[in-house]
N, C-alpha and C. Protein backbone atom coordinates (compact mmCIF):
# COMPACT_ATOMS: atom_id res chain seq x y z
N VAL A 1 -1.07 16.78 2.20
CA VAL A 1 0.05 16.81 3.12
C VAL A 1 0.18 15.43 3.75
N GLY A 2 1.39 14.94 3.82
CA GLY A 2 1.64 13.64 4.42
C GLY A 2 3.00 13.12 3.99
N THR A 3 3.32 11.95 4.47
CA THR A 3 4.57 11.30 4.10
C THR A 3 4.30 10.45 2.87
N PRO A 4 4.93 10.78 1.73
CA PRO A 4 4.58 10.10 0.48
C PRO A 4 4.62 8.57 0.54
N ARG A 5 5.58 7.97 1.23
CA ARG A 5 5.67 6.51 1.19
C ARG A 5 4.48 5.83 1.87
N TYR A 6 3.70 6.58 2.66
CA TYR A 6 2.51 6.02 3.31
C TYR A 6 1.22 6.44 2.60
N MET A 7 1.33 7.25 1.59
CA MET A 7 0.14 7.78 0.91
C MET A 7 -0.35 6.83 -0.18
N ALA A 8 -1.66 6.75 -0.30
CA ALA A 8 -2.28 5.95 -1.35
C ALA A 8 -2.05 6.63 -2.70
N PRO A 9 -2.08 5.84 -3.77
CA PRO A 9 -1.85 6.41 -5.10
C PRO A 9 -2.77 7.59 -5.42
N GLU A 10 -4.03 7.48 -5.02
CA GLU A 10 -4.97 8.56 -5.31
C GLU A 10 -4.54 9.86 -4.61
N GLN A 11 -3.99 9.76 -3.41
CA GLN A 11 -3.48 10.94 -2.71
C GLN A 11 -2.26 11.50 -3.43
N LEU A 12 -1.37 10.61 -3.84
CA LEU A 12 -0.16 11.06 -4.54
C LEU A 12 -0.50 11.78 -5.83
N LYS A 13 -1.63 11.44 -6.43
CA LYS A 13 -2.07 12.09 -7.67
C LYS A 13 -2.83 13.38 -7.40
N GLY A 14 -3.09 13.69 -6.11
CA GLY A 14 -3.79 14.92 -5.76
C GLY A 14 -5.28 14.76 -5.60
N ASP A 15 -5.79 13.53 -5.64
CA ASP A 15 -7.22 13.29 -5.44
C ASP A 15 -7.55 13.35 -3.95
N ILE A 16 -8.81 13.37 -3.65
CA ILE A 16 -9.27 13.43 -2.25
C ILE A 16 -9.09 12.06 -1.59
N ALA A 17 -8.55 12.08 -0.38
CA ALA A 17 -8.36 10.85 0.39
C ALA A 17 -9.68 10.46 1.06
N ASN A 18 -9.84 9.15 1.29
CA ASN A 18 -11.03 8.65 1.98
C ASN A 18 -10.62 7.44 2.82
N ALA A 19 -11.58 6.68 3.29
CA ALA A 19 -11.28 5.53 4.15
C ALA A 19 -10.44 4.48 3.42
N LEU A 20 -10.61 4.33 2.12
CA LEU A 20 -9.80 3.37 1.37
C LEU A 20 -8.35 3.82 1.28
N SER A 21 -8.15 5.13 1.24
CA SER A 21 -6.79 5.68 1.27
C SER A 21 -6.15 5.39 2.63
N ASP A 22 -6.94 5.53 3.69
CA ASP A 22 -6.44 5.23 5.03
C ASP A 22 -6.08 3.76 5.16
N GLN A 23 -6.88 2.90 4.55
CA GLN A 23 -6.59 1.46 4.56
C GLN A 23 -5.23 1.19 3.91
N PHE A 24 -4.98 1.83 2.79
CA PHE A 24 -3.69 1.68 2.11
C PHE A 24 -2.56 2.08 3.05
N SER A 25 -2.68 3.24 3.67
CA SER A 25 -1.65 3.74 4.58
C SER A 25 -1.43 2.81 5.76
N LEU A 26 -2.51 2.29 6.32
CA LEU A 26 -2.40 1.35 7.44
C LEU A 26 -1.64 0.10 7.01
N CYS A 27 -1.96 -0.42 5.84
CA CYS A 27 -1.28 -1.63 5.37
C CYS A 27 0.19 -1.38 5.08
N VAL A 28 0.53 -0.20 4.59
CA VAL A 28 1.95 0.15 4.40
C VAL A 28 2.65 0.13 5.75
N ALA A 29 2.03 0.74 6.77
CA ALA A 29 2.64 0.77 8.11
C ALA A 29 2.76 -0.64 8.69
N LEU A 30 1.74 -1.48 8.51
CA LEU A 30 1.80 -2.85 9.00
C LEU A 30 2.89 -3.64 8.29
N PHE A 31 3.00 -3.46 6.98
CA PHE A 31 4.05 -4.13 6.21
C PHE A 31 5.42 -3.72 6.74
N GLU A 32 5.61 -2.42 6.91
CA GLU A 32 6.89 -1.92 7.39
C GLU A 32 7.19 -2.42 8.80
N SER A 33 6.19 -2.51 9.64
CA SER A 33 6.38 -3.03 11.00
C SER A 33 6.79 -4.50 10.98
N TYR A 34 6.15 -5.27 10.11
CA TYR A 34 6.41 -6.71 10.06
C TYR A 34 7.75 -7.03 9.39
N PHE A 35 8.01 -6.39 8.25
CA PHE A 35 9.19 -6.72 7.45
C PHE A 35 10.41 -5.83 7.74
N GLY A 36 10.19 -4.69 8.38
CA GLY A 36 11.30 -3.80 8.66
C GLY A 36 11.78 -3.01 7.46
N GLU A 37 10.95 -2.92 6.44
CA GLU A 37 11.29 -2.16 5.23
C GLU A 37 10.01 -1.69 4.57
N THR A 38 10.14 -0.68 3.75
CA THR A 38 8.97 -0.16 3.04
C THR A 38 8.58 -1.12 1.91
N PRO A 39 7.28 -1.27 1.64
CA PRO A 39 6.87 -2.18 0.58
C PRO A 39 7.14 -1.64 -0.83
N PHE A 40 7.24 -0.32 -0.94
CA PHE A 40 7.41 0.31 -2.25
C PHE A 40 8.59 1.29 -2.22
N PRO A 41 9.81 0.78 -2.30
CA PRO A 41 10.96 1.68 -2.28
C PRO A 41 11.02 2.53 -3.55
N ALA A 42 11.24 3.82 -3.38
CA ALA A 42 11.32 4.73 -4.51
C ALA A 42 12.00 6.02 -4.08
N ARG A 43 12.57 6.73 -5.04
CA ARG A 43 13.29 7.98 -4.75
C ARG A 43 12.50 9.23 -5.11
N SER A 44 11.38 9.05 -5.80
CA SER A 44 10.56 10.20 -6.19
C SER A 44 9.09 9.78 -6.21
N ILE A 45 8.20 10.75 -6.23
CA ILE A 45 6.77 10.43 -6.27
C ILE A 45 6.40 9.72 -7.57
N PRO A 46 6.89 10.15 -8.75
CA PRO A 46 6.55 9.39 -9.96
C PRO A 46 7.03 7.93 -9.90
N SER A 47 8.23 7.71 -9.36
CA SER A 47 8.71 6.32 -9.28
C SER A 47 7.95 5.55 -8.21
N LEU A 48 7.49 6.23 -7.16
CA LEU A 48 6.67 5.59 -6.13
C LEU A 48 5.35 5.12 -6.74
N LEU A 49 4.71 5.97 -7.52
CA LEU A 49 3.45 5.58 -8.18
C LEU A 49 3.66 4.38 -9.09
N LEU A 50 4.74 4.37 -9.82
CA LEU A 50 5.04 3.25 -10.71
C LEU A 50 5.27 1.96 -9.92
N THR A 51 6.00 2.06 -8.82
CA THR A 51 6.27 0.89 -7.99
C THR A 51 4.99 0.35 -7.37
N ILE A 52 4.12 1.24 -6.92
CA ILE A 52 2.84 0.80 -6.35
C ILE A 52 2.00 0.13 -7.44
N ALA A 53 1.99 0.70 -8.63
CA ALA A 53 1.21 0.12 -9.74
C ALA A 53 1.69 -1.28 -10.09
N GLU A 54 2.98 -1.52 -9.96
CA GLU A 54 3.52 -2.86 -10.23
C GLU A 54 3.05 -3.87 -9.19
N GLY A 55 2.73 -3.40 -7.99
CA GLY A 55 2.19 -4.25 -6.94
C GLY A 55 3.23 -5.13 -6.27
N LEU A 56 2.78 -5.79 -5.23
CA LEU A 56 3.63 -6.72 -4.50
C LEU A 56 3.59 -8.08 -5.18
N PRO A 57 4.60 -8.92 -4.96
CA PRO A 57 4.54 -10.29 -5.50
C PRO A 57 3.36 -11.04 -4.88
N LEU A 58 3.02 -12.16 -5.45
CA LEU A 58 1.89 -12.93 -4.95
C LEU A 58 2.13 -13.52 -3.56
N THR A 59 3.36 -13.85 -3.27
CA THR A 59 3.70 -14.40 -1.95
C THR A 59 5.04 -13.85 -1.50
N ASP A 60 5.33 -14.08 -0.23
CA ASP A 60 6.63 -13.70 0.32
C ASP A 60 6.99 -14.76 1.35
N PRO A 61 8.12 -15.41 1.20
CA PRO A 61 8.47 -16.50 2.12
C PRO A 61 8.70 -16.03 3.56
N ARG A 62 8.80 -14.73 3.76
CA ARG A 62 9.03 -14.20 5.11
C ARG A 62 7.75 -14.05 5.92
N ALA A 63 6.60 -14.22 5.31
CA ALA A 63 5.32 -13.99 6.01
C ALA A 63 4.34 -15.10 5.70
N PRO A 64 3.43 -15.37 6.64
CA PRO A 64 2.37 -16.34 6.35
C PRO A 64 1.53 -15.86 5.17
N ASP A 65 1.15 -16.78 4.30
CA ASP A 65 0.38 -16.41 3.10
C ASP A 65 -0.87 -15.59 3.40
N PRO A 66 -1.67 -15.95 4.44
CA PRO A 66 -2.87 -15.14 4.70
C PRO A 66 -2.54 -13.69 5.06
N LEU A 67 -1.51 -13.48 5.86
CA LEU A 67 -1.12 -12.12 6.21
C LEU A 67 -0.67 -11.35 4.98
N PHE A 68 0.15 -11.96 4.17
CA PHE A 68 0.65 -11.29 2.98
C PHE A 68 -0.49 -10.97 2.02
N ALA A 69 -1.46 -11.87 1.90
CA ALA A 69 -2.60 -11.64 1.02
C ALA A 69 -3.43 -10.44 1.48
N VAL A 70 -3.61 -10.31 2.79
CA VAL A 70 -4.36 -9.17 3.34
C VAL A 70 -3.62 -7.87 3.04
N LEU A 71 -2.32 -7.86 3.26
CA LEU A 71 -1.53 -6.65 3.01
C LEU A 71 -1.54 -6.29 1.52
N ARG A 72 -1.39 -7.29 0.65
CA ARG A 72 -1.42 -7.03 -0.80
C ARG A 72 -2.72 -6.37 -1.21
N ARG A 73 -3.83 -6.91 -0.74
CA ARG A 73 -5.13 -6.35 -1.14
C ARG A 73 -5.32 -4.96 -0.55
N GLY A 74 -4.90 -4.77 0.68
CA GLY A 74 -5.04 -3.46 1.32
C GLY A 74 -4.19 -2.39 0.67
N MET A 75 -3.15 -2.81 -0.07
CA MET A 75 -2.28 -1.86 -0.76
C MET A 75 -2.45 -1.93 -2.28
N ALA A 76 -3.61 -2.34 -2.73
CA ALA A 76 -3.87 -2.39 -4.16
C ALA A 76 -3.81 -0.99 -4.76
N TYR A 77 -3.31 -0.89 -5.97
CA TYR A 77 -3.18 0.41 -6.64
C TYR A 77 -4.56 1.05 -6.81
N GLN A 78 -5.51 0.28 -7.28
CA GLN A 78 -6.87 0.78 -7.47
C GLN A 78 -7.64 0.67 -6.15
N ALA A 79 -8.19 1.76 -5.69
CA ALA A 79 -8.94 1.76 -4.42
C ALA A 79 -10.09 0.76 -4.44
N THR A 80 -10.69 0.55 -5.60
CA THR A 80 -11.83 -0.37 -5.71
C THR A 80 -11.41 -1.83 -5.51
N GLU A 81 -10.12 -2.13 -5.58
CA GLU A 81 -9.63 -3.48 -5.36
C GLU A 81 -9.29 -3.75 -3.89
N ARG A 82 -9.34 -2.73 -3.06
CA ARG A 82 -9.07 -2.89 -1.63
C ARG A 82 -10.34 -3.38 -0.93
N TYR A 83 -10.21 -3.74 0.34
CA TYR A 83 -11.38 -4.15 1.13
C TYR A 83 -12.35 -3.00 1.22
N ARG A 84 -13.64 -3.30 1.17
CA ARG A 84 -14.66 -2.24 1.24
C ARG A 84 -14.59 -1.50 2.57
N ASP A 85 -14.28 -2.21 3.63
CA ASP A 85 -14.04 -1.59 4.94
C ASP A 85 -13.12 -2.49 5.72
N LEU A 86 -12.70 -2.05 6.87
CA LEU A 86 -11.73 -2.82 7.65
C LEU A 86 -12.36 -3.84 8.61
N ARG A 87 -13.66 -3.94 8.60
CA ARG A 87 -14.30 -4.95 9.44
C ARG A 87 -14.05 -6.32 8.83
């Protein structure tokens, strides 16, 4: 249960959520707060998964590179590619 656009790919697939899933959701919310738009626009859950799998571009001229790099990694499709923890 949740809002799909904030859910990690593993949650969208029906797997169990964990701290890495929460990290993904937090980064989606931070991205949306900073940019005023969702990072992964989609009209359905299958298209949302595909958009997440494609990932974000390497940079975005609207944000400082370090901030964008943190958000990209926190929203990686594979949970193992995200930060091990938020410290």
